[in-house]
Amino acid sequence: TSEKIEIFYTRQLIPSHQNLDENEFVQI
């Protein structure tokens, strides 16, 4: 597969709004 994932990090998190796709379900 040609799939490449660029991976990032952040140490600065600003609260916002979770906006999952209609058929996406995640547990944090």
Full PDB file with SEQRES, HELIX, SHEET, SSBOND, CRYST1, ORIGX, SCALE, CONECT and MASTER records, all heavy atoms in Angstrom:
SEQRES   1 A   28  THR SER GLU LYS ILE GLU ILE PHE TYR THR ARG GLN LEU          
SEQRES   2 A   28  ILE PRO SER HIS GLN ASN LEU ASP GLU ASN GLU PHE VAL          
SEQRES   3 A   28  GLN ILE                                                      
CRYST1    1.000    1.000    1.000  90.00  90.00  90.00 P 1           1          
ORIGX1      1.000000  0.000000  0.000000        0.00000                         
ORIGX2      0.000000  1.000000  0.000000        0.00000                         
ORIGX3      0.000000  0.000000  1.000000        0.00000                         
SCALE1      1.000000  0.000000  0.000000        0.00000                         
SCALE2      0.000000  1.000000  0.000000        0.00000                         
SCALE3      0.000000  0.000000  1.000000        0.00000                         
ATOM      1  N   THR A   1       0.830  -1.198   0.000  1.00  0.00           N  
ATOM      2  CA  THR A   1       0.000   0.000   0.000  1.00  0.00           C  
ATOM      3  C   THR A   1       0.868   1.252   0.000  1.00  0.00           C  
ATOM      4  O   THR A   1       1.956   1.277   0.589  1.00  0.00           O  
ATOM      5  CB  THR A   1      -0.976   0.043   1.191  1.00  0.00           C  
ATOM      6  OG1 THR A   1      -1.773   1.238   1.087  1.00  0.00           O  
ATOM      7  CG2 THR A   1      -0.276   0.031   2.523  1.00  0.00           C  
ATOM      8  N   SER A   2       0.366   2.281  -0.668  1.00  0.00           N  
ATOM      9  CA  SER A   2       1.066   3.565  -0.708  1.00  0.00           C  
ATOM     10  C   SER A   2       0.778   4.417   0.525  1.00  0.00           C  
ATOM     11  O   SER A   2       1.323   5.512   0.651  1.00  0.00           O  
ATOM     12  CB  SER A   2       0.642   4.338  -1.970  1.00  0.00           C  
ATOM     13  OG  SER A   2      -0.745   4.649  -1.915  1.00  0.00           O  
ATOM     14  N   GLU A   3      -0.046   3.934   1.435  1.00  0.00           N  
ATOM     15  CA  GLU A   3      -0.446   4.752   2.577  1.00  0.00           C  
ATOM     16  C   GLU A   3       0.756   5.214   3.399  1.00  0.00           C  
ATOM     17  O   GLU A   3       1.574   4.421   3.845  1.00  0.00           O  
ATOM     18  CB  GLU A   3      -1.395   3.990   3.504  1.00  0.00           C  
ATOM     19  CG  GLU A   3      -1.851   4.857   4.671  1.00  0.00           C  
ATOM     20  CD  GLU A   3      -2.751   4.138   5.655  1.00  0.00           C  
ATOM     21  OE1 GLU A   3      -2.633   2.908   5.797  1.00  0.00           O  
ATOM     22  OE2 GLU A   3      -3.574   4.813   6.284  1.00  0.00           O  
ATOM     23  N   LYS A   4       0.806   6.527   3.569  1.00  0.00           N  
ATOM     24  CA  LYS A   4       1.785   7.157   4.454  1.00  0.00           C  
ATOM     25  C   LYS A   4       1.002   7.961   5.475  1.00  0.00           C  
ATOM     26  O   LYS A   4       0.050   8.662   5.127  1.00  0.00           O  
ATOM     27  CB  LYS A   4       2.718   8.079   3.674  1.00  0.00           C  
ATOM     28  CG  LYS A   4       3.704   8.828   4.572  1.00  0.00           C  
ATOM     29  CD  LYS A   4       4.642   9.693   3.766  1.00  0.00           C  
ATOM     30  CE  LYS A   4       4.144  11.111   3.755  1.00  0.00           C  
ATOM     31  NZ  LYS A   4       5.148  12.073   3.274  1.00  0.00           N  
ATOM     32  N   ILE A   5       1.406   7.838   6.726  1.00  0.00           N  
ATOM     33  CA  ILE A   5       0.796   8.623   7.792  1.00  0.00           C  
ATOM     34  C   ILE A   5       1.868   9.564   8.336  1.00  0.00           C  
ATOM     35  O   ILE A   5       2.925   9.112   8.769  1.00  0.00           O  
ATOM     36  CB  ILE A   5       0.258   7.725   8.929  1.00  0.00           C  
ATOM     37  CG1 ILE A   5      -0.779   6.734   8.399  1.00  0.00           C  
ATOM     38  CG2 ILE A   5      -0.333   8.584  10.044  1.00  0.00           C  
ATOM     39  CD1 ILE A   5      -1.255   5.731   9.433  1.00  0.00           C  
ATOM     40  N   GLU A   6       1.594  10.859   8.278  1.00  0.00           N  
ATOM     41  CA  GLU A   6       2.473  11.815   8.934  1.00  0.00           C  
ATOM     42  C   GLU A   6       1.949  11.989  10.358  1.00  0.00           C  
ATOM     43  O   GLU A   6       0.755  12.216  10.568  1.00  0.00           O  
ATOM     44  CB  GLU A   6       2.517  13.147   8.189  1.00  0.00           C  
ATOM     45  CG  GLU A   6       3.279  13.041   6.880  1.00  0.00           C  
ATOM     46  CD  GLU A   6       3.672  14.375   6.285  1.00  0.00           C  
ATOM     47  OE1 GLU A   6       3.630  15.419   6.995  1.00  0.00           O  
ATOM     48  OE2 GLU A   6       4.034  14.363   5.100  1.00  0.00           O  
ATOM     49  N   ILE A   7       2.846  11.829  11.312  1.00  0.00           N  
ATOM     50  CA  ILE A   7       2.466  11.849  12.722  1.00  0.00           C  
ATOM     51  C   ILE A   7       3.022  13.113  13.375  1.00  0.00           C  
ATOM     52  O   ILE A   7       4.188  13.456  13.206  1.00  0.00           O  
ATOM     53  CB  ILE A   7       2.964  10.583  13.442  1.00  0.00           C  
ATOM     54  CG1 ILE A   7       2.388   9.337  12.752  1.00  0.00           C  
ATOM     55  CG2 ILE A   7       2.582  10.632  14.925  1.00  0.00           C  
ATOM     56  CD1 ILE A   7       2.918   8.024  13.285  1.00  0.00           C  
ATOM     57  N   PHE A   8       2.155  13.770  14.122  1.00  0.00           N  
ATOM     58  CA  PHE A   8       2.471  15.020  14.791  1.00  0.00           C  
ATOM     59  C   PHE A   8       2.257  14.859  16.293  1.00  0.00           C  
ATOM     60  O   PHE A   8       1.699  13.865  16.754  1.00  0.00           O  
ATOM     61  CB  PHE A   8       1.569  16.141  14.259  1.00  0.00           C  
ATOM     62  CG  PHE A   8       1.731  16.372  12.783  1.00  0.00           C  
ATOM     63  CD1 PHE A   8       1.024  15.603  11.858  1.00  0.00           C  
ATOM     64  CD2 PHE A   8       2.589  17.347  12.320  1.00  0.00           C  
ATOM     65  CE1 PHE A   8       1.187  15.805  10.498  1.00  0.00           C  
ATOM     66  CE2 PHE A   8       2.761  17.559  10.957  1.00  0.00           C  
ATOM     67  CZ  PHE A   8       2.055  16.784  10.046  1.00  0.00           C  
ATOM     68  N   TYR A   9       2.680  15.864  17.047  1.00  0.00           N  
ATOM     69  CA  TYR A   9       2.371  15.905  18.482  1.00  0.00           C  
ATOM     70  C   TYR A   9       2.082  17.350  18.867  1.00  0.00           C  
ATOM     71  O   TYR A   9       2.471  18.280  18.175  1.00  0.00           O  
ATOM     72  CB  TYR A   9       3.509  15.307  19.328  1.00  0.00           C  
ATOM     73  CG  TYR A   9       4.732  16.185  19.449  1.00  0.00           C  
ATOM     74  CD1 TYR A   9       4.936  16.980  20.579  1.00  0.00           C  
ATOM     75  CD2 TYR A   9       5.693  16.230  18.445  1.00  0.00           C  
ATOM     76  CE1 TYR A   9       6.061  17.789  20.695  1.00  0.00           C  
ATOM     77  CE2 TYR A   9       6.818  17.024  18.545  1.00  0.00           C  
ATOM     78  CZ  TYR A   9       7.002  17.795  19.674  1.00  0.00           C  
ATOM     79  OH  TYR A   9       8.110  18.601  19.784  1.00  0.00           O  
ATOM     80  N   THR A  10       1.377  17.490  19.976  1.00  0.00           N  
ATOM     81  CA  THR A  10       1.154  18.819  20.540  1.00  0.00           C  
ATOM     82  C   THR A  10       1.128  18.714  22.055  1.00  0.00           C  
ATOM     83  O   THR A  10       0.595  17.746  22.610  1.00  0.00           O  
ATOM     84  CB  THR A  10      -0.142  19.476  20.023  1.00  0.00           C  
ATOM     85  OG1 THR A  10      -0.228  20.800  20.573  1.00  0.00           O  
ATOM     86  CG2 THR A  10      -1.392  18.688  20.375  1.00  0.00           C  
ATOM     87  N   ARG A  11       1.713  19.707  22.683  1.00  0.00           N  
ATOM     88  CA  ARG A  11       1.664  19.821  24.142  1.00  0.00           C  
ATOM     89  C   ARG A  11       0.767  20.993  24.551  1.00  0.00           C  
ATOM     90  O   ARG A  11       0.702  21.345  25.717  1.00  0.00           O  
ATOM     91  CB  ARG A  11       3.071  20.037  24.690  1.00  0.00           C  
ATOM     92  CG  ARG A  11       3.979  18.834  24.503  1.00  0.00           C  
ATOM     93  CD  ARG A  11       5.368  19.146  25.004  1.00  0.00           C  
ATOM     94  NE  ARG A  11       6.230  17.990  24.939  1.00  0.00           N  
ATOM     95  CZ  ARG A  11       7.515  18.042  24.609  1.00  0.00           C  
ATOM     96  NH1 ARG A  11       8.085  19.194  24.316  1.00  0.00           N  
ATOM     97  NH2 ARG A  11       8.240  16.946  24.572  1.00  0.00           N  
ATOM     98  N   GLN A  12       0.119  21.585  23.573  1.00  0.00           N  
ATOM     99  CA  GLN A  12      -0.753  22.731  23.832  1.00  0.00           C  
ATOM    100  C   GLN A  12      -2.161  22.353  23.372  1.00  0.00           C  
ATOM    101  O   GLN A  12      -2.446  22.343  22.186  1.00  0.00           O  
ATOM    102  CB  GLN A  12      -0.255  23.960  23.072  1.00  0.00           C  
ATOM    103  CG  GLN A  12      -1.127  25.158  23.304  1.00  0.00           C  
ATOM    104  CD  GLN A  12      -1.281  25.998  22.049  1.00  0.00           C  
ATOM    105  OE1 GLN A  12      -1.397  25.485  20.951  1.00  0.00           O  
ATOM    106  NE2 GLN A  12      -1.322  27.297  22.239  1.00  0.00           N  
ATOM    107  N   LEU A  13      -2.998  22.018  24.303  1.00  0.00           N  
ATOM    108  CA  LEU A  13      -4.369  21.620  23.982  1.00  0.00           C  
ATOM    109  C   LEU A  13      -5.339  22.699  24.443  1.00  0.00           C  
ATOM    110  O   LEU A  13      -5.331  23.103  25.608  1.00  0.00           O  
ATOM    111  CB  LEU A  13      -4.708  20.285  24.657  1.00  0.00           C  
ATOM    112  CG  LEU A  13      -3.901  19.091  24.148  1.00  0.00           C  
ATOM    113  CD1 LEU A  13      -4.168  17.864  25.019  1.00  0.00           C  
ATOM    114  CD2 LEU A  13      -4.207  18.798  22.694  1.00  0.00           C  
ATOM    115  N   ILE A  14      -6.152  23.151  23.524  1.00  0.00           N  
ATOM    116  CA  ILE A  14      -7.160  24.179  23.803  1.00  0.00           C  
ATOM    117  C   ILE A  14      -8.529  23.511  23.679  1.00  0.00           C  
ATOM    118  O   ILE A  14      -8.858  22.966  22.614  1.00  0.00           O  
ATOM    119  CB  ILE A  14      -7.048  25.340  22.794  1.00  0.00           C  
ATOM    120  CG1 ILE A  14      -5.636  25.951  22.836  1.00  0.00           C  
ATOM    121  CG2 ILE A  14      -8.128  26.383  23.051  1.00  0.00           C  
ATOM    122  CD1 ILE A  14      -5.300  26.825  21.638  1.00  0.00           C  
ATOM    123  N   PRO A  15      -9.323  23.492  24.762  1.00  0.00           N  
ATOM    124  CA  PRO A  15     -10.645  22.852  24.677  1.00  0.00           C  
ATOM    125  C   PRO A  15     -11.482  23.432  23.540  1.00  0.00           C  
ATOM    126  O   PRO A  15     -11.494  24.638  23.315  1.00  0.00           O  
ATOM    127  CB  PRO A  15     -11.279  23.137  26.038  1.00  0.00           C  
ATOM    128  CG  PRO A  15     -10.114  23.376  26.949  1.00  0.00           C  
ATOM    129  CD  PRO A  15      -9.060  24.043  26.091  1.00  0.00           C  
ATOM    130  N   SER A  16     -12.150  22.555  22.831  1.00  0.00           N  
ATOM    131  CA  SER A  16     -12.994  22.938  21.713  1.00  0.00           C  
ATOM    132  C   SER A  16     -14.221  22.030  21.744  1.00  0.00           C  
ATOM    133  O   SER A  16     -14.710  21.721  22.831  1.00  0.00           O  
ATOM    134  CB  SER A  16     -12.207  22.801  20.405  1.00  0.00           C  
ATOM    135  OG  SER A  16     -12.992  23.231  19.319  1.00  0.00           O  
ATOM    136  N   HIS A  17     -14.662  21.578  20.590  1.00  0.00           N  
ATOM    137  CA  HIS A  17     -15.837  20.710  20.520  1.00  0.00           C  
ATOM    138  C   HIS A  17     -15.524  19.454  19.724  1.00  0.00           C  
ATOM    139  O   HIS A  17     -15.054  19.549  18.591  1.00  0.00           O  
ATOM    140  CB  HIS A  17     -17.013  21.449  19.867  1.00  0.00           C  
ATOM    141  CG  HIS A  17     -17.446  22.659  20.630  1.00  0.00           C  
ATOM    142  ND1 HIS A  17     -16.956  23.911  20.363  1.00  0.00           N  
ATOM    143  CD2 HIS A  17     -18.298  22.784  21.657  1.00  0.00           C  
ATOM    144  CE1 HIS A  17     -17.486  24.772  21.203  1.00  0.00           C  
ATOM    145  NE2 HIS A  17     -18.309  24.127  22.000  1.00  0.00           N  
ATOM    146  N   GLN A  18     -15.800  18.317  20.327  1.00  0.00           N  
ATOM    147  CA  GLN A  18     -15.665  17.046  19.610  1.00  0.00           C  
ATOM    148  C   GLN A  18     -16.708  17.032  18.491  1.00  0.00           C  
ATOM    149  O   GLN A  18     -17.844  17.449  18.683  1.00  0.00           O  
ATOM    150  CB  GLN A  18     -15.892  15.884  20.577  1.00  0.00           C  
ATOM    151  CG  GLN A  18     -15.603  14.527  19.988  1.00  0.00           C  
ATOM    152  CD  GLN A  18     -15.883  13.417  20.994  1.00  0.00           C  
ATOM    153  OE1 GLN A  18     -16.833  13.493  21.775  1.00  0.00           O  
ATOM    154  NE2 GLN A  18     -15.056  12.396  20.961  1.00  0.00           N  
ATOM    155  N   ASN A  19     -16.307  16.562  17.332  1.00  0.00           N  
ATOM    156  CA  ASN A  19     -17.192  16.577  16.178  1.00  0.00           C  
ATOM    157  C   ASN A  19     -16.995  15.290  15.378  1.00  0.00           C  
ATOM    158  O   ASN A  19     -16.463  15.304  14.268  1.00  0.00           O  
ATOM    159  CB  ASN A  19     -16.897  17.811  15.312  1.00  0.00           C  
ATOM    160  CG  ASN A  19     -17.859  17.947  14.161  1.00  0.00           C  
ATOM    161  OD1 ASN A  19     -18.970  17.444  14.212  1.00  0.00           O  
ATOM    162  ND2 ASN A  19     -17.428  18.614  13.112  1.00  0.00           N  
ATOM    163  N   LEU A  20     -17.419  14.186  15.957  1.00  0.00           N  
ATOM    164  CA  LEU A  20     -17.230  12.884  15.318  1.00  0.00           C  
ATOM    165  C   LEU A  20     -18.055  12.774  14.042  1.00  0.00           C  
ATOM    166  O   LEU A  20     -19.131  13.372  13.931  1.00  0.00           O  
ATOM    167  CB  LEU A  20     -17.639  11.754  16.272  1.00  0.00           C  
ATOM    168  CG  LEU A  20     -16.804  11.616  17.547  1.00  0.00           C  
ATOM    169  CD1 LEU A  20     -17.442  10.598  18.483  1.00  0.00           C  
ATOM    170  CD2 LEU A  20     -15.375  11.214  17.217  1.00  0.00           C  
ATOM    171  N   ASP A  21     -17.528  12.004  13.092  1.00  0.00           N  
ATOM    172  CA  ASP A  21     -18.318  11.682  11.903  1.00  0.00           C  
ATOM    173  C   ASP A  21     -19.563  10.922  12.343  1.00  0.00           C  
ATOM    174  O   ASP A  21     -19.586  10.305  13.419  1.00  0.00           O  
ATOM    175  CB  ASP A  21     -17.504  10.828  10.927  1.00  0.00           C  
ATOM    176  CG  ASP A  21     -16.333  11.591  10.318  1.00  0.00           C  
ATOM    177  OD1 ASP A  21     -16.406  12.834  10.260  1.00  0.00           O  
ATOM    178  OD2 ASP A  21     -15.357  10.932   9.919  1.00  0.00           O  
ATOM    179  N   GLU A  22     -20.584  10.925  11.521  1.00  0.00           N  
ATOM    180  CA  GLU A  22     -21.877  10.330  11.870  1.00  0.00           C  
ATOM    181  C   GLU A  22     -21.773   8.876  12.327  1.00  0.00           C  
ATOM    182  O   GLU A  22     -22.476   8.453  13.242  1.00  0.00           O  
ATOM    183  CB  GLU A  22     -22.809  10.428  10.654  1.00  0.00           C  
ATOM    184  CG  GLU A  22     -24.189   9.862  10.902  1.00  0.00           C  
ATOM    185  CD  GLU A  22     -25.082   9.923   9.672  1.00  0.00           C  
ATOM    186  OE1 GLU A  22     -24.594  10.307   8.587  1.00  0.00           O  
ATOM    187  OE2 GLU A  22     -26.259   9.583   9.818  1.00  0.00           O  
ATOM    188  N   ASN A  23     -20.883   8.102  11.730  1.00  0.00           N  
ATOM    189  CA  ASN A  23     -20.752   6.684  12.070  1.00  0.00           C  
ATOM    190  C   ASN A  23     -19.464   6.377  12.812  1.00  0.00           C  
ATOM    191  O   ASN A  23     -18.954   5.260  12.757  1.00  0.00           O  
ATOM    192  CB  ASN A  23     -20.853   5.838  10.792  1.00  0.00           C  
ATOM    193  CG  ASN A  23     -22.221   5.976  10.170  1.00  0.00           C  
ATOM    194  OD1 ASN A  23     -23.239   5.887  10.855  1.00  0.00           O  
ATOM    195  ND2 ASN A  23     -22.257   6.227   8.873  1.00  0.00           N  
ATOM    196  N   GLU A  24     -18.936   7.363  13.521  1.00  0.00           N  
ATOM    197  CA  GLU A  24     -17.690   7.205  14.274  1.00  0.00           C  
ATOM    198  C   GLU A  24     -18.008   7.227  15.764  1.00  0.00           C  
ATOM    199  O   GLU A  24     -18.724   8.100  16.246  1.00  0.00           O  
ATOM    200  CB  GLU A  24     -16.742   8.352  13.904  1.00  0.00           C  
ATOM    201  CG  GLU A  24     -15.362   8.232  14.460  1.00  0.00           C  
ATOM    202  CD  GLU A  24     -14.455   9.354  13.939  1.00  0.00           C  
ATOM    203  OE1 GLU A  24     -14.942  10.444  13.597  1.00  0.00           O  
ATOM    204  OE2 GLU A  24     -13.247   9.115  13.895  1.00  0.00           O  
ATOM    205  N   PHE A  25     -17.469   6.283  16.483  1.00  0.00           N  
ATOM    206  CA  PHE A  25     -17.691   6.172  17.924  1.00  0.00           C  
ATOM    207  C   PHE A  25     -16.349   5.916  18.589  1.00  0.00           C  
ATOM    208  O   PHE A  25     -15.677   4.935  18.262  1.00  0.00           O  
ATOM    209  CB  PHE A  25     -18.659   5.024  18.239  1.00  0.00           C  
ATOM    210  CG  PHE A  25     -19.978   5.174  17.541  1.00  0.00           C  
ATOM    211  CD1 PHE A  25     -20.170   4.631  16.270  1.00  0.00           C  
ATOM    212  CD2 PHE A  25     -21.011   5.867  18.130  1.00  0.00           C  
ATOM    213  CE1 PHE A  25     -21.386   4.778  15.609  1.00  0.00           C  
ATOM    214  CE2 PHE A  25     -22.228   6.025  17.475  1.00  0.00           C  
ATOM    215  CZ  PHE A  25     -22.416   5.473  16.209  1.00  0.00           C  
ATOM    216  N   VAL A  26     -15.951   6.795  19.496  1.00  0.00           N  
ATOM    217  CA  VAL A  26     -14.671   6.631  20.185  1.00  0.00           C  
ATOM    218  C   VAL A  26     -14.856   6.808  21.682  1.00  0.00           C  
ATOM    219  O   VAL A  26     -15.755   7.518  22.138  1.00  0.00           O  
ATOM    220  CB  VAL A  26     -13.597   7.627  19.677  1.00  0.00           C  
ATOM    221  CG1 VAL A  26     -13.358   7.469  18.178  1.00  0.00           C  
ATOM    222  CG2 VAL A  26     -13.931   9.055  20.027  1.00  0.00           C  
ATOM    223  N   GLN A  27     -14.000   6.137  22.420  1.00  0.00           N  
ATOM    224  CA  GLN A  27     -13.931   6.305  23.862  1.00  0.00           C  
ATOM    225  C   GLN A  27     -12.589   6.970  24.157  1.00  0.00           C  
ATOM    226  O   GLN A  27     -11.542   6.476  23.734  1.00  0.00           O  
ATOM    227  CB  GLN A  27     -14.019   4.942  24.549  1.00  0.00           C  
ATOM    228  CG  GLN A  27     -13.915   5.000  26.054  1.00  0.00           C  
ATOM    229  CD  GLN A  27     -14.059   3.610  26.648  1.00  0.00           C  
ATOM    230  OE1 GLN A  27     -14.907   2.831  26.244  1.00  0.00           O  
ATOM    231  NE2 GLN A  27     -13.208   3.303  27.622  1.00  0.00           N  
ATOM    232  N   ILE A  28     -12.593   8.088  24.854  1.00  0.00           N  
ATOM    233  CA  ILE A  28     -11.377   8.830  25.167  1.00  0.00           C  
ATOM    234  C   ILE A  28     -10.773   8.287  26.453  1.00  0.00           C  
ATOM    235  O   ILE A  28     -11.475   8.104  27.453  1.00  0.00           O  
ATOM    236  CB  ILE A  28     -11.682  10.340  25.292  1.00  0.00           C  
ATOM    237  CG1 ILE A  28     -12.159  10.875  23.934  1.00  0.00           C  
ATOM    238  CG2 ILE A  28     -10.462  11.107  25.788  1.00  0.00           C  
ATOM    239  CD1 ILE A  28     -12.673  12.297  23.973  1.00  0.00           C  
TER     240      ILE A  28                                                      
MASTER        0    0    0    0    0    0    0    6  239    1    0    3          
END                                                                             
